Protein backbone atom coordinates (compact mmCIF):
# COMPACT_ATOMS: atom_id res chain seq x y z
CA MET A 1 0.00 0.00 0.00
CA LYS A 2 2.92 2.33 0.73
CA GLN A 3 4.35 1.72 -2.77
CA LEU A 4 0.92 2.33 -4.31
CA SER A 5 0.63 5.59 -2.39
CA LEU A 6 4.09 6.66 -3.61
CA PHE A 7 3.17 5.71 -7.20
CA ILE A 8 0.01 7.85 -7.02
CA GLU A 9 2.02 10.73 -5.59
CA LEU A 10 4.74 10.30 -8.21
CA THR A 11 2.27 10.34 -11.11
CA ARG A 12 0.14 13.17 -9.62
CA LEU A 13 -3.04 11.12 -10.04
CA LYS A 14 -4.58 13.03 -7.14
CA LYS A 15 -4.07 16.22 -9.14
CA PRO A 16 -6.19 15.66 -12.28
CA ILE A 17 -5.62 19.18 -13.61
CA GLY A 18 -2.43 17.94 -15.33
CA PHE A 19 -3.94 15.18 -17.42
CA MET A 20 -7.15 17.12 -18.04
CA LEU A 21 -5.18 19.98 -19.62
CA LEU A 22 -3.58 17.33 -21.84
CA PHE A 23 -6.97 15.78 -22.63
CA TRP A 24 -8.98 18.87 -23.61
CA PRO A 25 -7.07 19.68 -26.83
CA CYS A 26 -7.49 16.02 -27.89
CA ALA A 27 -11.23 16.36 -27.34
CA TRP A 28 -11.35 19.66 -29.26
CA GLY A 29 -9.58 18.18 -32.27
CA LEU A 30 -11.73 15.05 -32.29
CA THR A 31 -14.95 17.03 -31.95
CA LEU A 32 -14.01 19.50 -34.69
CA ALA A 33 -13.39 16.69 -37.18
CA TYR A 34 -16.08 14.21 -36.17
CA ASP A 35 -19.18 13.79 -38.34
CA PHE A 36 -21.99 13.62 -35.80
CA SER A 37 -24.41 12.26 -38.35
CA ASN A 38 -22.53 8.99 -37.94
CA ASN A 39 -22.56 6.55 -35.02
CA LEU A 40 -21.95 8.42 -31.76
CA ASN A 41 -20.49 5.30 -30.17
CA ASN A 42 -17.27 5.78 -32.13
CA TYR A 43 -17.01 9.37 -30.89
CA PHE A 44 -17.26 8.36 -27.22
CA PHE A 45 -14.93 5.40 -27.82
CA TYR A 46 -12.23 7.70 -29.21
CA LEU A 47 -12.90 10.25 -26.45
CA THR A 48 -12.31 7.52 -23.87
CA LEU A 49 -9.11 6.42 -25.58
CA PHE A 50 -7.77 9.97 -25.58
CA PHE A 51 -8.64 10.35 -21.91
CA LEU A 52 -6.78 7.15 -21.03
CA GLY A 53 -3.84 8.21 -23.18
CA ALA A 54 -3.72 11.61 -21.49
CA VAL A 55 -3.68 10.03 -18.02
CA LEU A 56 -0.96 7.52 -18.94
CA MET A 57 1.31 9.93 -20.79
CA ARG A 58 0.91 12.70 -18.22
CA SER A 59 1.82 10.19 -15.50
CA ALA A 60 4.89 9.05 -17.42
CA GLY A 61 5.84 12.66 -18.08
CA CYS A 62 5.64 13.52 -14.39
CA ILE A 63 8.06 10.72 -13.54
CA VAL A 64 10.54 11.75 -16.25
CA ASN A 65 10.25 15.35 -15.08
CA ASP A 66 11.01 14.34 -11.49
CA MET A 67 13.97 12.19 -12.51
CA LEU A 68 15.53 14.99 -14.56
CA ASP A 69 14.72 17.68 -11.99
CA LYS A 70 15.71 15.72 -8.90
CA GLU A 71 18.42 18.16 -7.80
CA PHE A 72 16.29 21.22 -8.61
CA ASP A 73 13.27 19.84 -6.75
CA LYS A 74 15.34 19.41 -3.59
CA LYS A 75 15.91 23.18 -3.51
CA VAL A 76 12.30 24.26 -4.08
CA PHE A 77 9.95 24.36 -1.08
CA ARG A 78 6.91 23.14 -3.04
CA THR A 79 8.69 20.15 -4.62
CA LYS A 80 11.33 19.05 -2.11
CA ASN A 81 9.15 16.25 -0.74
CA ARG A 82 8.36 14.64 -4.09
CA PRO A 83 9.10 10.88 -4.00
CA ILE A 84 12.23 10.99 -6.17
CA ALA A 85 13.62 14.25 -4.77
CA SER A 86 13.16 12.97 -1.22
CA GLY A 87 14.71 9.57 -2.02
CA LYS A 88 11.54 7.57 -1.33
CA VAL A 89 11.54 6.31 -4.94
CA SER A 90 14.76 5.46 -6.77
CA ILE A 91 15.64 6.56 -10.30
CA LYS A 92 15.69 2.89 -11.34
CA LEU A 93 12.15 2.30 -10.07
CA GLY A 94 10.97 5.55 -11.63
CA PHE A 95 12.39 4.45 -14.98
CA THR A 96 10.60 1.07 -14.63
CA TYR A 97 7.31 2.83 -13.94
CA THR A 98 7.84 5.07 -16.99
CA ILE A 99 8.39 2.10 -19.30
CA PHE A 100 5.27 0.39 -17.94
CA LEU A 101 3.11 3.50 -18.43
CA CYS A 102 4.43 4.04 -21.97
CA LEU A 103 3.65 0.44 -22.91
CA MET A 104 0.10 0.88 -21.58
CA ALA A 105 -0.21 4.09 -23.61
CA LEU A 106 1.00 2.21 -26.69
CA LEU A 107 -1.80 -0.33 -26.26
CA VAL A 108 -4.26 2.57 -26.25
CA LEU A 109 -2.61 4.17 -29.29
CA LEU A 110 -2.85 0.99 -31.38
CA ASN A 111 -6.64 1.44 -31.49
CA PHE A 112 -6.24 4.43 -33.83
CA ASN A 113 -5.52 4.65 -37.54
CA THR A 114 -1.96 4.36 -38.85
CA PHE A 115 -1.52 8.09 -39.47
CA THR A 116 -2.45 8.91 -35.88
CA ILE A 117 -0.06 6.26 -34.54
CA ILE A 118 2.85 7.62 -36.61
CA LEU A 119 2.18 11.23 -35.55
CA ALA A 120 1.83 10.24 -31.90
CA LEU A 121 5.10 8.30 -31.87
CA GLY A 122 6.79 11.26 -33.52
CA SER A 123 5.85 13.47 -30.57
CA MET A 124 7.67 11.35 -27.98
CA PRO A 125 10.95 13.32 -28.11
CA LEU A 126 8.97 16.50 -27.40
CA ALA A 127 7.13 14.95 -24.48
CA PHE A 128 10.25 13.82 -22.65
CA SER A 129 12.66 16.65 -23.50
CA TYR A 130 10.44 19.44 -22.16
CA PRO A 131 11.81 19.31 -18.57
CA LEU A 132 15.30 20.14 -19.89
CA MET A 133 14.19 23.39 -21.53
CA LYS A 134 14.02 25.40 -18.31
CA ARG A 135 17.81 25.01 -18.05
CA TYR A 136 18.52 26.75 -21.36
CA THR A 137 15.69 29.11 -22.25
CA TYR A 138 13.19 31.48 -20.70
CA TRP A 139 10.55 29.86 -22.93
CA PRO A 140 10.01 26.36 -21.50
CA GLN A 141 6.28 27.13 -21.47
CA LEU A 142 6.41 27.42 -25.25
CA PHE A 143 7.79 23.88 -25.51
CA LEU A 144 5.11 22.74 -23.06
CA GLY A 145 2.44 24.32 -25.27
CA ILE A 146 3.79 22.59 -28.37
CA THR A 147 3.77 19.26 -26.51
CA PHE A 148 0.56 19.54 -24.49
CA ASN A 149 -1.59 20.64 -27.41
CA TYR A 150 -0.23 18.13 -29.93
CA GLY A 151 -3.24 15.98 -29.04
CA LEU A 152 -5.41 18.49 -30.91
CA ILE A 153 -3.77 17.40 -34.16
CA LEU A 154 -4.08 13.75 -33.13
CA GLY A 155 -7.76 14.18 -32.29
CA TRP A 156 -8.46 15.62 -35.74
CA VAL A 157 -6.39 13.03 -37.61
CA SER A 158 -7.94 10.11 -35.68
CA THR A 159 -11.20 10.67 -37.50
CA ALA A 160 -10.30 12.80 -40.56
CA ASN A 161 -7.15 10.77 -41.36
CA GLN A 162 -5.48 13.87 -42.79
CA ILE A 163 -4.11 17.20 -41.57
CA GLU A 164 -5.97 20.35 -42.59
CA LEU A 165 -5.80 24.07 -41.85
CA VAL A 166 -8.41 24.15 -39.06
CA PRO A 167 -6.58 22.02 -36.48
CA ILE A 168 -3.27 23.79 -37.23
CA ILE A 169 -4.81 27.22 -36.57
CA LEU A 170 -6.38 26.11 -33.29
CA TYR A 171 -3.19 24.25 -32.35
CA ILE A 172 -1.19 27.47 -32.66
CA GLY A 173 -3.81 29.33 -30.63
CA ALA A 174 -3.82 26.64 -27.95
CA ILE A 175 -0.04 26.92 -27.64
CA PHE A 176 -0.56 30.54 -26.55
CA TRP A 177 -3.28 29.39 -24.14
CA THR A 178 -0.71 27.11 -22.52
CA LEU A 179 1.88 29.89 -22.56
CA GLY A 180 -0.57 31.95 -20.54
CA PHE A 181 -1.75 29.46 -17.96
CA ASP A 182 1.68 27.92 -17.35
CA THR A 183 3.15 31.38 -16.85
CA ILE A 184 0.54 31.87 -14.13
CA TYR A 185 1.48 28.48 -12.66
CA GLY A 186 5.16 29.43 -12.62
CA TYR A 187 4.61 32.29 -10.20
CA GLN A 188 4.24 29.76 -7.40
CA ASP A 189 8.00 29.05 -7.48
CA ILE A 190 9.42 32.22 -8.97
CA LYS A 191 11.55 33.15 -5.94
CA ASP A 192 13.12 29.69 -5.67
CA ASP A 193 13.55 29.46 -9.46
CA GLU A 194 15.47 32.72 -9.60
CA ILE A 195 17.81 31.55 -6.83
CA ILE A 196 18.62 28.16 -8.39
CA GLY A 197 18.85 29.49 -11.95
CA VAL A 198 15.75 27.91 -13.51
CA LYS A 199 14.28 29.95 -16.38
CA SER A 200 10.63 30.58 -17.29
CA THR A 201 8.29 33.10 -18.89
CA SER A 202 7.14 33.91 -15.35
CA ILE A 203 10.61 35.31 -14.67
CA LYS A 204 11.04 36.88 -18.11
CA PHE A 205 7.77 38.84 -17.87
CA LYS A 206 7.67 39.37 -14.10
CA LYS A 207 7.56 43.18 -14.50
CA ASN A 208 4.35 43.10 -16.54
CA PRO A 209 2.82 39.60 -16.57
CA LYS A 210 -0.73 40.77 -17.28
CA LEU A 211 0.24 42.36 -20.59
CA PHE A 212 1.87 39.08 -21.63
CA LEU A 213 -1.28 37.17 -20.61
CA ILE A 214 -3.49 39.56 -22.58
CA ILE A 215 -1.40 38.94 -25.72
CA CYS A 216 -1.42 35.14 -25.27
CA TYR A 217 -5.12 34.83 -24.54
CA SER A 218 -6.05 37.26 -27.34
CA ILE A 219 -4.24 35.06 -29.89
CA PHE A 220 -6.06 32.02 -28.49
CA ILE A 221 -9.49 33.65 -28.84
CA ILE A 222 -8.67 34.93 -32.35
CA SER A 223 -7.72 31.37 -33.41
CA ILE A 224 -11.08 30.10 -32.17
CA ILE A 225 -12.93 32.82 -34.10
CA ILE A 226 -10.97 32.07 -37.29
CA ILE A 227 -11.74 28.34 -37.22
CA SER A 228 -15.39 29.10 -36.47
CA PHE A 229 -15.63 31.06 -39.75
CA ILE A 230 -13.79 28.39 -41.72
CA MET A 231 -16.08 25.66 -40.37
CA LYS A 232 -19.18 27.86 -40.69
CA PHE A 233 -20.32 27.47 -37.09
CA ASN A 234 -23.89 28.54 -36.40
CA SER A 235 -24.70 31.95 -34.89
CA THR A 236 -25.40 30.48 -31.45
CA PHE A 237 -21.69 29.71 -31.12
CA TYR A 238 -20.81 33.43 -31.08
CA LEU A 239 -23.32 34.08 -28.31
CA PHE A 240 -21.70 31.45 -26.09
CA LEU A 241 -18.17 32.51 -27.07
CA ILE A 242 -18.51 35.34 -24.57
CA ILE A 243 -18.17 32.79 -21.73
CA PRO A 244 -14.55 31.74 -22.41
CA ILE A 245 -13.63 35.35 -23.23
CA LEU A 246 -14.94 36.55 -19.87
CA HIS A 247 -13.27 33.64 -18.11
CA LEU A 248 -9.89 34.38 -19.68
CA PHE A 249 -9.81 38.14 -19.48
CA LEU A 250 -11.99 39.10 -16.53
CA TYR A 251 -11.49 36.17 -14.19
CA GLN A 252 -7.97 34.99 -14.92
CA ILE A 253 -6.19 38.21 -15.84
CA TYR A 254 -8.13 40.69 -13.73
CA ASN A 255 -8.11 38.52 -10.58
CA PHE A 256 -4.55 37.21 -10.98
CA GLU A 257 -2.26 38.29 -8.12
CA PHE A 258 1.20 37.26 -9.26
CA LYS A 259 2.76 37.93 -5.85
CA ASP A 260 0.44 35.43 -4.18
CA PRO A 261 1.39 31.75 -4.84
CA LYS A 262 -2.01 30.49 -3.66
CA ASN A 263 -3.78 32.84 -6.06
CA SER A 264 -1.52 31.67 -8.89
CA LEU A 265 -2.46 28.03 -8.30
CA LYS A 266 -6.17 28.83 -7.96
CA THR A 267 -6.19 30.86 -11.18
CA PHE A 268 -4.23 28.19 -13.03
CA LYS A 269 -6.66 25.43 -12.02
CA THR A 270 -9.63 27.24 -13.56
CA ASN A 271 -8.23 26.37 -17.00
CA ASN A 272 -9.66 22.89 -16.53
CA LEU A 273 -13.13 24.46 -16.58
CA LEU A 274 -12.12 26.55 -19.58
CA GLY A 275 -11.17 23.39 -21.49
CA ALA A 276 -14.66 22.00 -20.90
CA ILE A 277 -16.26 25.32 -21.92
CA ILE A 278 -14.35 25.38 -25.23
CA LEU A 279 -15.45 21.80 -25.95
CA PHE A 280 -19.05 22.79 -25.20
CA ASN A 281 -18.72 25.77 -27.54
CA ILE A 282 -17.41 23.59 -30.37
CA LEU A 283 -20.32 21.18 -29.93
CA ILE A 284 -22.76 24.10 -30.05
CA GLY A 285 -21.09 25.51 -33.14
CA LYS A 286 -21.40 22.24 -35.04
CA THR A 287 -25.04 21.50 -34.16
């Protein structure tokens, strides 16, 4: 039971925000491409597969992150008690867990078409190299956005079996969404990060973070509007679009207190709700 508890802690399974933020772009891409005049069972089957894949790959990613950041985590108050940083779980065991989770994710992936499988396997270097970026660039959040939102392309391809302009436009917009929310998340550790030499957009834009968030979230909303015109969404979509706009600009940016770590975490977590709202909007637009 102790090992199970450590495994759950290691993979952050008690913190679903991580895998949900990985899942929502998959759901957006799938929903944009899916023909709802066909059997809905296939839609929910693929949705379930993407959810399982998000949980498994996020869990594996957390372990790789902790193995690579072991020495950094020891110096940060929020992360010093993580299983690997504290020595409760060895690097060897962490590596074994990672292999197991990746094999499980592969079993999920094999249920998709060949194009989706090839694209997904091609993203593996991105998924596991992200933790290294904070050592070399102030833009690790950009690499996270590229990685986390790759599922949007996979969701589209899983049913359309080809890449088109719509998912690429929303993918670019979603990268800026991630740039925004992970910058907010980074303010939890900004003092420790500056001391130990870790880089982030939180540090780079610490003098005016809200302006940076406005730019990122504006690009995200513009990408949604562009794809809505291309796909000829119905007029009801634009009425409901006000909900994510208000959530992004009034709630997140206006209420964000970057000097308060608790506020940063609370604001960051609301992006899970935003992911669901965007999915709801896409469904409305297509009906």
